[in-house]
Protein backbone atom coordinates (compact mmCIF):
# COMPACT_ATOMS: atom_id res chain seq x y z
CA MET A 1 40.16 233.87 142.87
CA GLU A 2 41.80 230.45 142.59
CA ALA A 3 39.43 227.52 142.32
CA ARG A 4 39.17 225.12 145.25
CA ILE A 5 39.39 221.41 144.41
CA LEU A 6 38.71 218.45 146.69
CA VAL A 7 40.42 215.17 145.79
CA ILE A 8 38.91 212.08 147.46
CA GLU A 9 41.35 209.23 146.82
CA ASP A 10 42.59 206.46 149.12
CA ASP A 11 45.77 205.77 147.11
CA ARG A 12 48.13 208.12 148.94
CA GLU A 13 50.72 208.25 146.19
CA LEU A 14 48.16 209.08 143.51
CA ALA A 15 46.47 211.60 145.78
CA ARG A 16 49.83 213.29 146.42
CA LEU A 17 50.61 213.44 142.70
CA LEU A 18 47.20 214.90 141.89
CA GLN A 19 47.56 217.46 144.65
CA LEU A 20 50.99 218.53 143.42
CA ASP A 21 49.81 218.66 139.80
CA LEU A 22 46.72 220.74 140.58
CA THR A 23 48.55 223.03 143.00
CA HIS A 24 51.21 223.68 140.37
CA ALA A 25 48.39 224.60 137.96
CA GLY A 26 47.22 227.29 140.38
CA TYR A 27 44.39 225.59 142.24
CA GLN A 28 43.80 225.31 145.98
CA VAL A 29 43.68 221.59 146.73
CA GLN A 30 42.70 219.46 149.71
CA VAL A 31 42.78 215.67 149.90
CA ALA A 32 40.62 213.17 151.77
CA GLU A 33 41.39 209.44 151.91
CA THR A 34 37.92 208.04 152.68
CA GLY A 35 34.41 208.81 151.55
CA LEU A 36 33.33 209.86 155.03
CA ASP A 37 36.30 212.21 155.42
CA GLY A 38 35.59 213.56 151.94
CA LEU A 39 32.07 214.59 152.94
CA LEU A 40 33.39 216.33 156.05
CA VAL A 41 36.09 218.19 154.13
CA PHE A 42 33.52 219.16 151.50
CA GLN A 43 31.37 220.91 154.09
CA ALA A 44 34.33 222.94 155.33
CA LEU A 45 36.03 223.65 151.99
CA ARG A 46 33.00 224.22 149.73
CA PRO A 47 35.09 223.34 146.66
CA HIS A 48 34.40 224.34 143.07
CA LEU A 49 35.18 220.80 141.87
CA VAL A 50 35.37 217.30 143.39
CA VAL A 51 37.72 214.65 141.98
CA LEU A 52 36.32 211.39 143.32
CA ASP A 53 37.61 207.81 143.19
CA ILE A 54 34.93 205.13 142.94
CA GLY A 55 36.78 202.50 145.00
CA LEU A 56 36.97 204.10 148.47
CA PRO A 57 37.00 202.52 151.95
CA LEU A 58 34.17 203.01 154.48
CA MET A 59 31.92 204.67 151.91
CA ASP A 60 32.39 204.03 148.18
CA GLY A 61 32.60 206.82 145.63
CA ILE A 62 29.17 206.08 144.18
CA THR A 63 27.54 206.69 147.57
CA VAL A 64 29.65 209.81 148.11
CA CYS A 65 28.53 211.10 144.71
CA GLN A 66 24.89 210.55 145.64
CA ARG A 67 25.34 212.33 148.99
CA LEU A 68 27.06 215.29 147.35
CA ARG A 69 24.27 215.62 144.80
CA GLU A 70 21.74 215.86 147.61
CA ILE A 71 23.37 219.04 148.90
CA SER A 72 25.27 220.60 146.00
CA ASP A 73 25.52 221.09 142.22
CA VAL A 74 29.34 221.07 142.35
CA PRO A 75 30.96 219.42 139.29
CA ILE A 76 32.08 215.86 140.07
CA LEU A 77 34.82 214.04 138.16
CA LEU A 78 34.73 210.30 138.85
CA MET A 79 37.88 208.18 138.56
CA THR A 80 37.83 204.42 138.12
CA ALA A 81 40.36 201.70 137.39
CA GLN A 82 37.72 199.70 135.51
CA GLU A 83 36.92 200.00 131.81
CA VAL A 84 34.06 202.48 131.30
CA THR A 85 31.28 201.74 128.81
CA GLU A 86 28.55 204.07 127.56
CA GLU A 87 26.20 202.23 129.93
CA ASP A 88 28.55 203.06 132.83
CA ILE A 89 28.55 206.72 131.82
CA ALA A 90 24.76 206.77 131.65
CA ALA A 91 24.55 205.14 135.09
CA GLY A 92 27.01 207.68 136.46
CA LEU A 93 24.92 210.52 135.08
CA ASN A 94 21.94 209.15 136.93
CA LEU A 95 23.96 209.40 140.13
CA GLY A 96 24.99 212.97 139.37
CA ALA A 97 28.54 212.65 138.02
CA ASP A 98 29.71 215.05 135.32
CA GLU A 99 32.73 213.19 133.99
CA PHE A 100 34.56 209.85 134.04
CA LEU A 101 38.27 209.28 133.72
CA LEU A 102 39.96 205.90 133.53
CA LYS A 103 43.03 205.11 135.61
CA PRO A 104 45.93 205.33 135.13
CA LEU A 105 45.30 209.02 134.53
CA ARG A 106 47.01 210.84 131.70
CA PRO A 107 48.22 214.18 133.15
CA LEU A 108 47.43 216.35 130.13
CA GLU A 109 43.95 214.88 129.72
CA PHE A 110 43.28 215.20 133.46
CA GLN A 111 44.30 218.87 133.47
CA ALA A 112 42.18 219.56 130.39
CA ARG A 113 39.09 217.92 131.90
CA VAL A 114 39.51 219.79 135.19
CA LYS A 115 39.81 223.09 133.33
CA ALA A 116 36.77 222.29 131.18
CA LEU A 117 34.58 221.38 134.17
CA LEU A 118 35.51 224.55 136.04
CA ARG A 119 34.96 226.69 132.94
CA ARG A 120 31.57 225.06 132.38
CA ALA A 121 30.50 225.82 135.96
CA ARG A 122 31.58 229.47 135.63
CA ALA A 123 29.72 229.77 132.32
CA LEU A 124 26.50 228.69 134.03
CA GLU A 125 26.82 231.60 136.45
CA LEU A 126 27.34 234.07 133.60
CA GLU A 127 24.42 232.70 131.57
CA ALA A 128 22.08 233.31 134.47
CA ASN A 129 22.26 236.98 133.47
CA GLN A 130 21.25 236.31 129.85
CA VAL A 131 18.09 234.42 128.88
CA ALA A 132 16.17 234.30 132.11
CA ARG A 133 13.42 231.76 131.63
CA TYR A 134 11.57 229.26 129.46
CA GLU A 135 8.07 228.31 130.55
CA ASP A 136 5.06 226.40 129.30
CA ASP A 137 2.33 224.39 131.01
CA TYR A 138 4.64 221.37 131.47
CA LEU A 139 8.27 222.56 131.57
CA VAL A 140 9.81 225.55 133.37
CA VAL A 141 13.52 226.33 133.08
CA ASP A 142 14.74 229.29 135.14
CA LEU A 143 18.34 230.13 134.24
CA THR A 144 18.60 232.70 137.03
CA THR A 145 17.81 230.31 139.87
CA ARG A 146 18.93 227.19 137.92
CA GLN A 147 15.59 225.61 138.76
CA VAL A 148 13.85 223.13 136.47
CA MET A 149 10.22 222.18 137.02
CA VAL A 150 8.54 219.29 135.18
CA ALA A 151 4.79 218.88 135.58
CA GLY A 152 4.94 221.01 138.72
CA GLN A 153 7.75 219.01 140.34
CA GLU A 154 11.34 220.21 140.70
CA VAL A 155 13.88 218.08 138.82
CA ARG A 156 17.54 218.13 139.78
CA LEU A 157 20.05 218.28 136.94
CA THR A 158 23.81 217.92 137.09
CA PRO A 159 25.79 221.01 136.04
CA THR A 160 26.47 219.44 132.64
CA GLU A 161 22.84 218.52 132.10
CA PHE A 162 21.75 222.02 133.03
CA LYS A 163 24.37 223.56 130.75
CA LEU A 164 23.11 221.43 127.88
CA LEU A 165 19.50 222.42 128.55
CA ALA A 166 20.51 226.09 128.83
CA VAL A 167 22.15 225.93 125.39
CA PHE A 168 18.97 224.44 123.93
CA VAL A 169 16.76 227.06 125.61
CA ASN A 170 19.00 229.82 124.29
CA ASN A 171 18.68 228.46 120.74
CA PRO A 172 14.98 227.63 120.23
CA GLY A 173 14.19 226.06 116.89
CA LYS A 174 17.83 226.08 115.79
CA VAL A 175 19.57 222.88 114.71
CA LEU A 176 22.67 222.50 116.88
CA THR A 177 25.27 220.16 115.42
CA PHE A 178 27.16 217.65 117.51
CA ARG A 179 30.28 219.78 117.15
CA GLN A 180 28.47 222.94 118.25
CA LEU A 181 27.13 221.17 121.33
CA LEU A 182 30.54 219.76 122.19
CA GLU A 183 32.14 223.21 121.91
CA GLN A 184 29.41 225.10 123.78
CA VAL A 185 28.72 222.59 126.54
CA TRP A 186 31.91 220.59 127.05
CA GLY A 187 34.62 222.71 125.45
CA TYR A 188 37.23 222.23 122.75
CA GLU A 189 38.91 219.51 124.84
CA TYR A 190 36.00 217.22 123.96
CA ALA A 191 36.12 217.69 120.19
CA THR A 192 36.56 213.94 119.57
CA GLU A 193 34.01 212.75 122.17
CA HIS A 194 31.18 212.37 119.67
CA HIS A 195 29.20 210.05 121.93
CA TYR A 196 28.79 212.69 124.66
CA PRO A 197 25.85 214.65 123.14
CA ARG A 198 23.95 211.45 122.41
CA ILE A 199 24.40 210.06 125.91
CA TYR A 200 23.60 213.32 127.70
CA VAL A 201 20.60 214.15 125.50
CA SER A 202 19.21 210.69 126.15
CA HIS A 203 19.59 211.18 129.89
CA LEU A 204 18.17 214.72 129.79
CA ARG A 205 15.14 213.49 127.86
CA ARG A 206 14.41 210.95 130.60
CA LYS A 207 14.23 213.82 133.06
CA ILE A 208 12.20 216.44 131.15
CA GLU A 209 10.22 214.80 128.34
CA PRO A 210 6.56 213.76 128.78
CA ASP A 211 7.26 210.77 126.50
CA VAL A 212 10.89 209.74 126.01
CA LYS A 213 10.05 207.67 122.94
CA GLU A 214 8.29 210.64 121.25
CA PRO A 215 10.25 213.70 122.46
CA THR A 216 8.36 216.97 122.67
CA TYR A 217 11.27 219.33 123.32
CA ILE A 218 14.56 217.87 122.11
CA HIS A 219 14.20 216.66 118.54
CA SER A 220 16.84 214.58 116.77
CA GLU A 221 18.21 215.79 113.45
CA TYR A 222 19.68 212.44 112.46
CA GLY A 223 23.33 212.54 111.51
CA VAL A 224 23.51 216.26 112.29
CA GLY A 225 22.53 217.09 115.88
CA TYR A 226 19.49 218.22 117.88
CA ARG A 227 16.87 220.97 117.90
CA PHE A 228 14.93 222.39 120.87
CA VAL A 229 11.25 223.01 120.16
CA GLY A 230 9.27 224.99 122.71
CA ARG A 231 5.53 225.00 122.99
CA ALA A 232 3.08 227.73 123.93
CA ALA A 233 1.95 227.87 127.54
CA GLU A 234 -1.74 227.28 128.09
């Protein structure tokens, strides 16, 4: 089944080029020119991926991203014409984005990131049939339902955050190098993005750790990677 992609972009020429590029790659693509229209098309299309411009009329891309996260775990690729810093990426993660790309887009990089996001989402579905659950008195991670509970309260993770946590849960006590995390979570296309594990682990810790400054679950192996340490349920 071909993946469905929604492109929300008010620049008609860029939107047309993206639609042609993605259609040629074998995807089913629909375009919306405003944030409000994008939300309406999303409800009808139920896409597997949303490519979302930040600078949109009527409703900006940041607000659209927040609205989408309230109703769906669909991967979201944000596009911006502004320079992106690590702080911007961290802020975007807090809103629920999975990826940033800087305009003007480079076609090969864009195609690679789209493919990686879709592959990551499919991998989450397959992993639901493997390790089913991690549970202690504070943290519950159910890979079948993709539900995460922290201190009895449900916590929403983006698809990338959940994929990262699933990799940790599937490798308890094992040191996972930065390269291993990049390959297992993001894909080979991200081999040079060494800042990604650090940024995403930092954000994931803020969501699941009792004390971010003294992590209980995700331990740093400085210069090497990270290690997930479970604890016995009471």
